[in-house]
Amino acid sequence: MEYSKLEVWIEARKLVNLLYDSSKLFPKEELFGLTNQMRRVAISIPSNIAEGCGRQTSKDTIHFLHISRGSLYELETQYYLALDQKYIDESTFNIVLAQIQTCKKLLNGFINYYKKLM
């Protein structure tokens, strides 16, 4: 399966780009704190989807998809914290949250697809 054509992977890339755009506004003292953590977790989402697609068994693929899903929840929490600290405004938060929800739905559907193959 060519991961780069998957809607879930494409939407996860869009999420990474939203994160990079919004985190540019974070305070400089957060560069090695919340900013770095959010960037790392966001990058792991499409990366784990791609890695899962490269695995030989459905069980292995599902494992990496679950890691990606966990990272989505982690990133969502970090966005709530960024909002709490007023690093982002409500409008930016809502745009990103909507993209996170899109990714969650697509990823859950992809996981269910692979579970049926087992």
N, C-alpha and C. Protein backbone atom coordinates (compact mmCIF):
# COMPACT_ATOMS: atom_id res chain seq x y z
N MET A 1 0.85 -1.18 0.00
CA MET A 1 0.00 0.00 0.00
C MET A 1 0.89 1.25 0.00
N GLU A 2 0.60 2.16 -0.89
CA GLU A 2 1.40 3.39 -1.00
C GLU A 2 0.87 4.42 0.01
N TYR A 3 1.59 4.56 1.11
CA TYR A 3 1.13 5.42 2.21
C TYR A 3 0.93 6.88 1.79
N SER A 4 1.73 7.36 0.85
CA SER A 4 1.68 8.78 0.49
C SER A 4 0.40 9.14 -0.26
N LYS A 5 -0.38 8.15 -0.63
CA LYS A 5 -1.66 8.41 -1.29
C LYS A 5 -2.85 8.29 -0.33
N LEU A 6 -2.57 7.88 0.90
CA LEU A 6 -3.63 7.69 1.89
C LEU A 6 -4.12 9.03 2.42
N GLU A 7 -5.44 9.17 2.48
CA GLU A 7 -6.02 10.42 2.99
C GLU A 7 -5.59 10.68 4.43
N VAL A 8 -5.51 9.64 5.24
CA VAL A 8 -5.12 9.81 6.64
C VAL A 8 -3.70 10.37 6.74
N TRP A 9 -2.80 9.93 5.90
CA TRP A 9 -1.42 10.42 5.91
C TRP A 9 -1.36 11.86 5.41
N ILE A 10 -2.12 12.16 4.37
CA ILE A 10 -2.17 13.52 3.81
C ILE A 10 -2.72 14.51 4.84
N GLU A 11 -3.78 14.12 5.52
CA GLU A 11 -4.37 15.00 6.54
C GLU A 11 -3.45 15.16 7.75
N ALA A 12 -2.70 14.12 8.08
CA ALA A 12 -1.73 14.22 9.18
C ALA A 12 -0.61 15.19 8.82
N ARG A 13 -0.21 15.19 7.56
CA ARG A 13 0.80 16.17 7.10
C ARG A 13 0.26 17.59 7.23
N LYS A 14 -1.00 17.79 6.88
CA LYS A 14 -1.61 19.11 7.03
C LYS A 14 -1.58 19.55 8.49
N LEU A 15 -1.82 18.61 9.39
CA LEU A 15 -1.78 18.91 10.82
C LEU A 15 -0.37 19.36 11.23
N VAL A 16 0.65 18.67 10.74
CA VAL A 16 2.03 19.06 11.05
C VAL A 16 2.28 20.49 10.58
N ASN A 17 1.82 20.82 9.38
CA ASN A 17 2.02 22.17 8.86
C ASN A 17 1.29 23.21 9.69
N LEU A 18 0.08 22.90 10.15
CA LEU A 18 -0.65 23.82 11.04
C LEU A 18 0.14 24.04 12.33
N LEU A 19 0.70 22.96 12.86
CA LEU A 19 1.47 23.06 14.10
C LEU A 19 2.69 23.96 13.90
N TYR A 20 3.42 23.75 12.83
CA TYR A 20 4.61 24.57 12.59
C TYR A 20 4.24 26.04 12.44
N ASP A 21 3.15 26.31 11.73
CA ASP A 21 2.72 27.70 11.56
C ASP A 21 2.33 28.33 12.90
N SER A 22 1.54 27.62 13.69
CA SER A 22 1.07 28.21 14.95
C SER A 22 2.17 28.27 16.00
N SER A 23 3.08 27.33 16.00
CA SER A 23 4.11 27.33 17.05
C SER A 23 5.19 28.39 16.81
N LYS A 24 5.23 28.96 15.63
CA LYS A 24 6.18 30.05 15.37
C LYS A 24 5.88 31.26 16.25
N LEU A 25 4.66 31.35 16.74
CA LEU A 25 4.24 32.47 17.57
C LEU A 25 4.48 32.23 19.07
N PHE A 26 4.90 31.03 19.43
CA PHE A 26 5.14 30.72 20.83
C PHE A 26 6.33 31.53 21.35
N PRO A 27 6.36 31.80 22.64
CA PRO A 27 7.50 32.54 23.20
C PRO A 27 8.81 31.79 22.97
N LYS A 28 9.87 32.54 22.82
CA LYS A 28 11.19 31.95 22.56
C LYS A 28 11.63 31.03 23.71
N GLU A 29 11.22 31.32 24.94
CA GLU A 29 11.62 30.46 26.05
C GLU A 29 10.98 29.08 25.99
N GLU A 30 9.98 28.91 25.12
CA GLU A 30 9.35 27.60 24.94
C GLU A 30 9.99 26.79 23.82
N LEU A 31 10.99 27.34 23.15
CA LEU A 31 11.59 26.66 22.00
C LEU A 31 12.04 25.24 22.34
N PHE A 32 12.64 25.06 23.51
CA PHE A 32 13.11 23.74 23.91
C PHE A 32 12.16 23.06 24.89
N GLY A 33 10.98 23.65 25.07
CA GLY A 33 9.97 23.09 25.94
C GLY A 33 8.78 22.62 25.13
N LEU A 34 7.68 23.31 25.31
CA LEU A 34 6.43 22.91 24.66
C LEU A 34 6.53 22.92 23.13
N THR A 35 7.20 23.90 22.58
CA THR A 35 7.33 23.98 21.11
C THR A 35 8.01 22.73 20.57
N ASN A 36 9.14 22.38 21.14
CA ASN A 36 9.88 21.21 20.69
C ASN A 36 9.06 19.93 20.86
N GLN A 37 8.41 19.79 22.01
CA GLN A 37 7.61 18.59 22.28
C GLN A 37 6.46 18.47 21.29
N MET A 38 5.78 19.57 21.02
CA MET A 38 4.66 19.54 20.08
C MET A 38 5.12 19.21 18.67
N ARG A 39 6.24 19.76 18.27
CA ARG A 39 6.75 19.48 16.92
C ARG A 39 7.14 18.02 16.79
N ARG A 40 7.78 17.48 17.81
CA ARG A 40 8.20 16.08 17.76
C ARG A 40 6.99 15.15 17.69
N VAL A 41 6.00 15.42 18.51
CA VAL A 41 4.83 14.53 18.52
C VAL A 41 4.03 14.67 17.22
N ALA A 42 3.94 15.87 16.68
CA ALA A 42 3.21 16.07 15.42
C ALA A 42 3.89 15.33 14.28
N ILE A 43 5.20 15.41 14.22
CA ILE A 43 5.95 14.72 13.17
C ILE A 43 5.77 13.21 13.28
N SER A 44 5.63 12.72 14.49
CA SER A 44 5.49 11.26 14.68
C SER A 44 4.18 10.72 14.14
N ILE A 45 3.17 11.57 13.98
CA ILE A 45 1.86 11.07 13.53
C ILE A 45 1.93 10.54 12.10
N PRO A 46 2.28 11.34 11.09
CA PRO A 46 2.37 10.76 9.75
C PRO A 46 3.54 9.78 9.62
N SER A 47 4.59 9.97 10.41
CA SER A 47 5.74 9.06 10.34
C SER A 47 5.35 7.65 10.76
N ASN A 48 4.57 7.51 11.82
CA ASN A 48 4.14 6.19 12.27
C ASN A 48 3.11 5.57 11.33
N ILE A 49 2.30 6.39 10.69
CA ILE A 49 1.40 5.85 9.67
C ILE A 49 2.23 5.25 8.53
N ALA A 50 3.23 5.99 8.08
CA ALA A 50 4.10 5.50 7.00
C ALA A 50 4.84 4.24 7.44
N GLU A 51 5.38 4.24 8.64
CA GLU A 51 6.12 3.07 9.10
C GLU A 51 5.20 1.85 9.20
N GLY A 52 4.00 2.08 9.70
CA GLY A 52 3.04 0.97 9.79
C GLY A 52 2.71 0.37 8.43
N CYS A 53 2.60 1.22 7.43
CA CYS A 53 2.30 0.73 6.08
C CYS A 53 3.46 -0.07 5.50
N GLY A 54 4.65 0.15 6.01
CA GLY A 54 5.81 -0.58 5.53
C GLY A 54 6.01 -1.92 6.23
N ARG A 55 5.18 -2.22 7.19
CA ARG A 55 5.32 -3.48 7.93
C ARG A 55 4.68 -4.64 7.17
N GLN A 56 5.10 -5.85 7.54
CA GLN A 56 4.69 -7.03 6.78
C GLN A 56 3.35 -7.61 7.20
N THR A 57 2.98 -7.40 8.46
CA THR A 57 1.73 -8.01 8.93
C THR A 57 0.75 -6.94 9.38
N SER A 58 -0.53 -7.31 9.36
CA SER A 58 -1.57 -6.39 9.83
C SER A 58 -1.37 -6.06 11.30
N LYS A 59 -0.93 -7.04 12.08
CA LYS A 59 -0.70 -6.80 13.51
C LYS A 59 0.36 -5.73 13.71
N ASP A 60 1.45 -5.81 12.96
CA ASP A 60 2.51 -4.80 13.06
C ASP A 60 2.01 -3.43 12.61
N THR A 61 1.25 -3.42 11.52
CA THR A 61 0.71 -2.16 11.01
C THR A 61 -0.18 -1.50 12.06
N ILE A 62 -1.08 -2.28 12.65
CA ILE A 62 -2.00 -1.76 13.66
C ILE A 62 -1.22 -1.19 14.85
N HIS A 63 -0.14 -1.84 15.23
CA HIS A 63 0.69 -1.36 16.34
C HIS A 63 1.16 0.08 16.08
N PHE A 64 1.68 0.34 14.88
CA PHE A 64 2.17 1.68 14.56
C PHE A 64 1.02 2.68 14.39
N LEU A 65 -0.12 2.21 13.92
CA LEU A 65 -1.28 3.10 13.81
C LEU A 65 -1.77 3.50 15.20
N HIS A 66 -1.69 2.58 16.15
CA HIS A 66 -2.07 2.92 17.53
C HIS A 66 -1.10 3.94 18.13
N ILE A 67 0.17 3.80 17.83
CA ILE A 67 1.15 4.80 18.30
C ILE A 67 0.79 6.17 17.73
N SER A 68 0.47 6.20 16.45
CA SER A 68 0.08 7.46 15.80
C SER A 68 -1.16 8.05 16.47
N ARG A 69 -2.13 7.21 16.78
CA ARG A 69 -3.34 7.68 17.43
C ARG A 69 -3.04 8.24 18.81
N GLY A 70 -2.17 7.58 19.55
CA GLY A 70 -1.77 8.10 20.86
C GLY A 70 -1.11 9.46 20.75
N SER A 71 -0.31 9.63 19.72
CA SER A 71 0.34 10.92 19.49
C SER A 71 -0.67 12.01 19.17
N LEU A 72 -1.74 11.66 18.48
CA LEU A 72 -2.80 12.64 18.22
C LEU A 72 -3.42 13.15 19.52
N TYR A 73 -3.66 12.24 20.44
CA TYR A 73 -4.23 12.63 21.74
C TYR A 73 -3.24 13.48 22.54
N GLU A 74 -1.98 13.11 22.46
CA GLU A 74 -0.94 13.89 23.14
C GLU A 74 -0.88 15.31 22.58
N LEU A 75 -0.90 15.43 21.25
CA LEU A 75 -0.85 16.75 20.62
C LEU A 75 -2.09 17.57 20.98
N GLU A 76 -3.23 16.93 21.01
CA GLU A 76 -4.46 17.63 21.38
C GLU A 76 -4.34 18.23 22.78
N THR A 77 -3.82 17.46 23.72
CA THR A 77 -3.62 17.94 25.09
C THR A 77 -2.66 19.12 25.11
N GLN A 78 -1.59 19.03 24.34
CA GLN A 78 -0.61 20.11 24.30
C GLN A 78 -1.20 21.38 23.70
N TYR A 79 -2.11 21.23 22.76
CA TYR A 79 -2.78 22.42 22.22
C TYR A 79 -3.68 23.07 23.27
N TYR A 80 -4.33 22.26 24.08
CA TYR A 80 -5.12 22.83 25.18
C TYR A 80 -4.21 23.62 26.12
N LEU A 81 -3.03 23.07 26.39
CA LEU A 81 -2.07 23.77 27.28
C LEU A 81 -1.59 25.07 26.64
N ALA A 82 -1.34 25.03 25.33
CA ALA A 82 -0.90 26.25 24.63
C ALA A 82 -2.00 27.32 24.69
N LEU A 83 -3.24 26.89 24.57
CA LEU A 83 -4.36 27.83 24.70
C LEU A 83 -4.43 28.38 26.12
N ASP A 84 -4.29 27.50 27.10
CA ASP A 84 -4.31 27.93 28.51
C ASP A 84 -3.25 28.99 28.79
N GLN A 85 -2.08 28.83 28.17
CA GLN A 85 -0.97 29.77 28.38
C GLN A 85 -1.07 30.99 27.47
N LYS A 86 -2.12 31.01 26.63
CA LYS A 86 -2.36 32.12 25.70
C LYS A 86 -1.26 32.24 24.64
N TYR A 87 -0.66 31.10 24.29
CA TYR A 87 0.32 31.07 23.20
C TYR A 87 -0.38 31.09 21.85
N ILE A 88 -1.64 30.64 21.84
CA ILE A 88 -2.46 30.67 20.63
C ILE A 88 -3.81 31.26 21.00
N ASP A 89 -4.50 31.79 19.99
CA ASP A 89 -5.83 32.33 20.25
C ASP A 89 -6.88 31.25 19.99
N GLU A 90 -8.10 31.55 20.36
CA GLU A 90 -9.22 30.60 20.25
C GLU A 90 -9.46 30.18 18.80
N SER A 91 -9.31 31.10 17.89
CA SER A 91 -9.52 30.80 16.48
C SER A 91 -8.51 29.77 15.96
N THR A 92 -7.24 29.98 16.26
CA THR A 92 -6.20 29.03 15.86
C THR A 92 -6.45 27.68 16.50
N PHE A 93 -6.79 27.70 17.79
CA PHE A 93 -7.06 26.47 18.51
C PHE A 93 -8.18 25.68 17.82
N ASN A 94 -9.25 26.35 17.46
CA ASN A 94 -10.39 25.67 16.84
C ASN A 94 -10.05 25.09 15.47
N ILE A 95 -9.23 25.79 14.71
CA ILE A 95 -8.80 25.28 13.40
C ILE A 95 -7.97 24.01 13.59
N VAL A 96 -7.02 24.06 14.51
CA VAL A 96 -6.16 22.90 14.75
C VAL A 96 -6.96 21.75 15.33
N LEU A 97 -7.85 22.04 16.27
CA LEU A 97 -8.66 21.00 16.89
C LEU A 97 -9.52 20.28 15.84
N ALA A 98 -10.06 21.03 14.90
CA ALA A 98 -10.85 20.43 13.83
C ALA A 98 -9.99 19.49 12.98
N GLN A 99 -8.75 19.88 12.72
CA GLN A 99 -7.85 19.02 11.94
C GLN A 99 -7.47 17.77 12.74
N ILE A 100 -7.28 17.92 14.03
CA ILE A 100 -6.99 16.77 14.88
C ILE A 100 -8.17 15.80 14.84
N GLN A 101 -9.39 16.32 14.93
CA GLN A 101 -10.58 15.46 14.89
C GLN A 101 -10.69 14.73 13.56
N THR A 102 -10.38 15.42 12.48
CA THR A 102 -10.38 14.79 11.16
C THR A 102 -9.39 13.64 11.13
N CYS A 103 -8.20 13.88 11.64
CA CYS A 103 -7.16 12.84 11.66
C CYS A 103 -7.58 11.66 12.53
N LYS A 104 -8.20 11.94 13.68
CA LYS A 104 -8.66 10.86 14.56
C LYS A 104 -9.66 9.97 13.85
N LYS A 105 -10.64 10.57 13.18
CA LYS A 105 -11.66 9.79 12.48
C LYS A 105 -11.06 8.94 11.38
N LEU A 106 -10.20 9.54 10.58
CA LEU A 106 -9.56 8.79 9.50
C LEU A 106 -8.67 7.67 10.04
N LEU A 107 -7.93 7.96 11.08
CA LEU A 107 -7.03 6.96 11.65
C LEU A 107 -7.81 5.82 12.28
N ASN A 108 -8.89 6.13 12.98
CA ASN A 108 -9.72 5.08 13.56
C ASN A 108 -10.31 4.19 12.47
N GLY A 109 -10.74 4.79 11.37
CA GLY A 109 -11.26 4.02 10.25
C GLY A 109 -10.19 3.12 9.65
N PHE A 110 -8.97 3.63 9.54
CA PHE A 110 -7.86 2.86 8.98
C PHE A 110 -7.49 1.70 9.90
N ILE A 111 -7.51 1.94 11.21
CA ILE A 111 -7.25 0.87 12.18
C ILE A 111 -8.32 -0.20 12.06
N ASN A 112 -9.58 0.20 11.97
CA ASN A 112 -10.67 -0.78 11.85
C ASN A 112 -10.55 -1.58 10.56
N TYR A 113 -10.12 -0.95 9.48
CA TYR A 113 -9.89 -1.65 8.22
C TYR A 113 -8.85 -2.76 8.41
N TYR A 114 -7.75 -2.42 9.06
CA TYR A 114 -6.70 -3.41 9.26
C TYR A 114 -7.12 -4.51 10.24
N LYS A 115 -7.94 -4.17 11.22
CA LYS A 115 -8.42 -5.19 12.17
C LYS A 115 -9.25 -6.25 11.44
N LYS A 116 -9.98 -5.83 10.43
CA LYS A 116 -10.80 -6.78 9.66
C LYS A 116 -9.94 -7.73 8.83
N LEU A 117 -8.71 -7.34 8.54
CA LEU A 117 -7.80 -8.19 7.77
C LEU A 117 -7.16 -9.29 8.60
N MET A 118 -7.27 -9.15 9.92
CA MET A 118 -6.62 -10.13 10.80
C MET A 118 -7.46 -11.39 10.95
